[in-house]
Protein backbone atom coordinates (compact mmCIF):
# COMPACT_ATOMS: atom_id res chain seq x y z
CA MET A 1 233.21 8.14 208.13
CA PHE A 2 233.91 4.98 206.08
CA ARG A 3 234.67 7.02 202.97
CA SER A 4 237.17 9.27 204.73
CA LEU A 5 239.10 6.34 206.21
CA PHE A 6 239.11 4.13 203.10
CA PRO A 7 238.84 6.05 199.82
CA HIS A 8 237.77 4.09 196.74
CA GLU A 9 241.27 4.16 195.31
CA VAL A 10 242.54 1.99 198.20
CA PHE A 11 240.30 -0.93 197.23
CA ALA A 12 241.13 -0.63 193.54
CA GLU A 13 244.83 -0.51 194.41
CA MET A 14 244.50 -3.60 196.65
CA ASP A 15 242.80 -5.47 193.78
CA ARG A 16 245.60 -4.45 191.38
CA LEU A 17 248.32 -5.51 193.84
CA GLN A 18 246.65 -8.88 194.41
CA ARG A 19 246.57 -9.56 190.65
CA GLU A 20 250.23 -8.56 190.27
CA VAL A 21 251.30 -10.87 193.11
CA GLN A 22 249.33 -13.76 191.62
CA GLN A 23 250.90 -13.11 188.21
CA ALA A 24 254.39 -12.94 189.71
CA LEU A 25 253.92 -16.35 191.35
CA ASP A 26 252.57 -17.94 188.15
CA LEU A 27 255.49 -18.17 185.74
CA SER A 28 253.50 -19.40 182.74
CA PRO A 29 251.89 -16.85 180.41
CA ASN A 30 248.11 -16.84 180.30
CA ILE A 31 245.20 -14.77 179.08
CA ARG A 32 245.57 -12.48 182.09
CA GLY A 33 248.91 -11.35 180.69
CA PHE A 34 251.85 -9.85 182.53
CA GLY A 35 251.80 -6.35 183.90
CA ARG A 36 248.42 -5.37 182.39
CA GLY A 37 244.94 -5.55 183.83
CA GLY A 38 243.35 -8.89 184.37
CA PHE A 39 240.56 -11.03 183.06
CA PRO A 40 238.23 -9.97 181.65
CA ALA A 41 239.89 -7.14 179.75
CA LEU A 42 238.01 -3.87 180.30
CA ASN A 43 237.26 -0.65 178.49
CA VAL A 44 235.74 2.04 180.70
CA GLY A 45 234.51 5.39 179.44
CA GLY A 46 231.45 7.52 179.43
CA THR A 47 229.29 10.34 178.26
CA PRO A 48 227.86 13.27 180.21
CA GLN A 49 224.82 11.06 180.94
CA THR A 50 226.37 7.62 181.49
CA VAL A 51 229.38 5.59 182.55
CA GLU A 52 230.04 2.77 180.07
CA VAL A 53 231.92 -0.42 180.99
CA TYR A 54 232.80 -3.09 178.43
CA ALA A 55 234.19 -6.41 179.67
CA PHE A 56 235.59 -8.77 177.05
CA ALA A 57 234.71 -12.23 178.36
CA PRO A 58 234.52 -14.81 175.56
CA GLY A 59 233.42 -18.26 176.60
CA ILE A 60 231.68 -17.08 179.77
CA ASP A 61 228.20 -18.36 180.52
CA PRO A 62 226.11 -15.22 181.23
CA ASN A 63 224.43 -17.09 184.10
CA SER A 64 227.80 -17.42 185.85
CA LEU A 65 228.43 -13.66 185.85
CA GLU A 66 227.90 -11.53 188.93
CA VAL A 67 227.75 -7.76 188.52
CA ASP A 68 227.46 -5.79 191.78
CA LEU A 69 227.51 -2.09 192.52
CA GLU A 70 228.09 -1.07 196.11
CA ARG A 71 229.50 2.14 197.59
CA GLY A 72 230.73 3.36 194.22
CA MET A 73 232.58 0.14 193.42
CA LEU A 74 231.50 -1.98 190.44
CA THR A 75 232.49 -5.64 190.74
CA ILE A 76 232.41 -8.09 187.85
CA ALA A 77 232.98 -11.69 188.93
CA GLY A 78 232.37 -15.13 187.54
CA GLU A 79 233.93 -18.35 186.42
CA ARG A 80 234.98 -19.80 183.08
CA LYS A 81 234.87 -23.58 182.96
CA SER A 82 237.70 -25.53 181.42
CA SER A 83 236.96 -27.48 178.27
CA LEU A 84 240.09 -29.64 178.69
CA PRO A 85 239.97 -33.39 179.32
CA GLU A 86 239.78 -34.45 182.97
CA ALA A 87 243.00 -35.48 184.70
CA GLY A 88 243.58 -39.21 184.51
CA GLN A 89 242.19 -39.65 181.01
CA GLN A 90 244.63 -40.81 178.40
CA SER A 91 245.37 -37.50 176.74
CA THR A 92 248.29 -35.13 176.50
CA LEU A 93 248.11 -31.39 176.81
CA HIS A 94 250.92 -29.55 175.02
CA ILE A 95 249.84 -25.91 175.32
CA ASN A 96 247.28 -24.39 177.69
CA GLU A 97 246.94 -20.62 177.19
CA ARG A 98 243.20 -20.22 177.74
CA PHE A 99 242.31 -18.97 181.21
CA ALA A 100 239.85 -21.11 183.14
CA GLY A 101 238.70 -20.54 186.67
CA SER A 102 237.27 -17.78 188.84
CA PHE A 103 237.85 -14.11 188.13
CA ARG A 104 237.00 -10.79 189.76
CA ARG A 105 237.47 -7.20 188.56
CA VAL A 106 236.73 -4.13 190.68
CA ILE A 107 236.21 -0.68 189.17
CA ASN A 108 236.05 2.60 191.06
CA LEU A 109 233.11 4.61 189.68
CA PRO A 110 232.71 8.39 189.77
CA GLU A 111 230.63 9.78 192.63
CA ASP A 112 227.80 10.83 190.31
CA ALA A 113 227.11 7.21 189.18
CA ASP A 114 223.52 6.24 190.07
CA PRO A 115 223.40 2.76 191.67
CA ASP A 116 219.65 2.58 190.94
CA ALA A 117 220.06 3.02 187.17
CA VAL A 118 222.30 0.19 185.95
CA GLN A 119 221.86 -2.11 182.95
CA ALA A 120 224.02 -5.11 182.02
CA ARG A 121 223.83 -6.96 178.71
CA VAL A 122 225.89 -9.78 177.18
CA LYS A 123 226.30 -10.43 173.47
CA ASP A 124 228.98 -12.50 171.75
CA GLY A 125 231.24 -12.52 174.83
CA LEU A 126 231.02 -8.76 175.36
CA VAL A 127 229.49 -7.62 178.66
CA HIS A 128 228.19 -4.05 178.34
CA ILE A 129 227.30 -2.28 181.58
CA THR A 130 225.66 1.16 181.45
CA ILE A 131 225.39 3.22 184.63
CA GLN A 132 223.37 6.43 184.46
CA ARG A 133 224.76 9.53 186.09
CA ARG A 134 222.57 11.26 188.68
CA ALA A 135 220.35 13.99 187.24
CA ALA A 136 221.78 16.55 189.68
CA ALA A 137 225.23 16.00 188.16
CA GLN A 138 224.04 16.52 184.56
CA PRO A 139 225.28 19.66 182.83
CA ARG A 140 222.49 22.21 182.41
CA ARG A 141 222.23 25.44 180.51
CA ILE A 142 220.74 28.18 182.62
CA THR A 143 218.90 30.94 180.87
CA VAL A 144 219.84 34.43 181.99
CA HIS A 145 216.94 36.91 182.04
């Protein structure tokens, strides 16, 4: 019943709208950009056996990342700490284009994604998440006798 009332696309669309509203209210450019995606930048693709997600998150402590898969929705969340001087110190900041703070990305996965077969690895600021597709959804060649 839940799926019929709230398809996956609704939640992904709500996440996109929230990011666009936040960007519209923030008039300064930042790593999140204007009119495109959010942070971290994502590449999503796949093979007949897997769904592959790449999140480009330089400067993120792997221990601060949260990767969750629930009801066909993959969520990548975390926080990037600021390396800027604390307020009140005698320093001047002229340009601040590096995003710091909490982030959250939500990805709608295909129905054949197996929530029990997920791997996540981080190397050099690249988060690589591999989700196996269910065996029943794998293409098979059937021999005709």
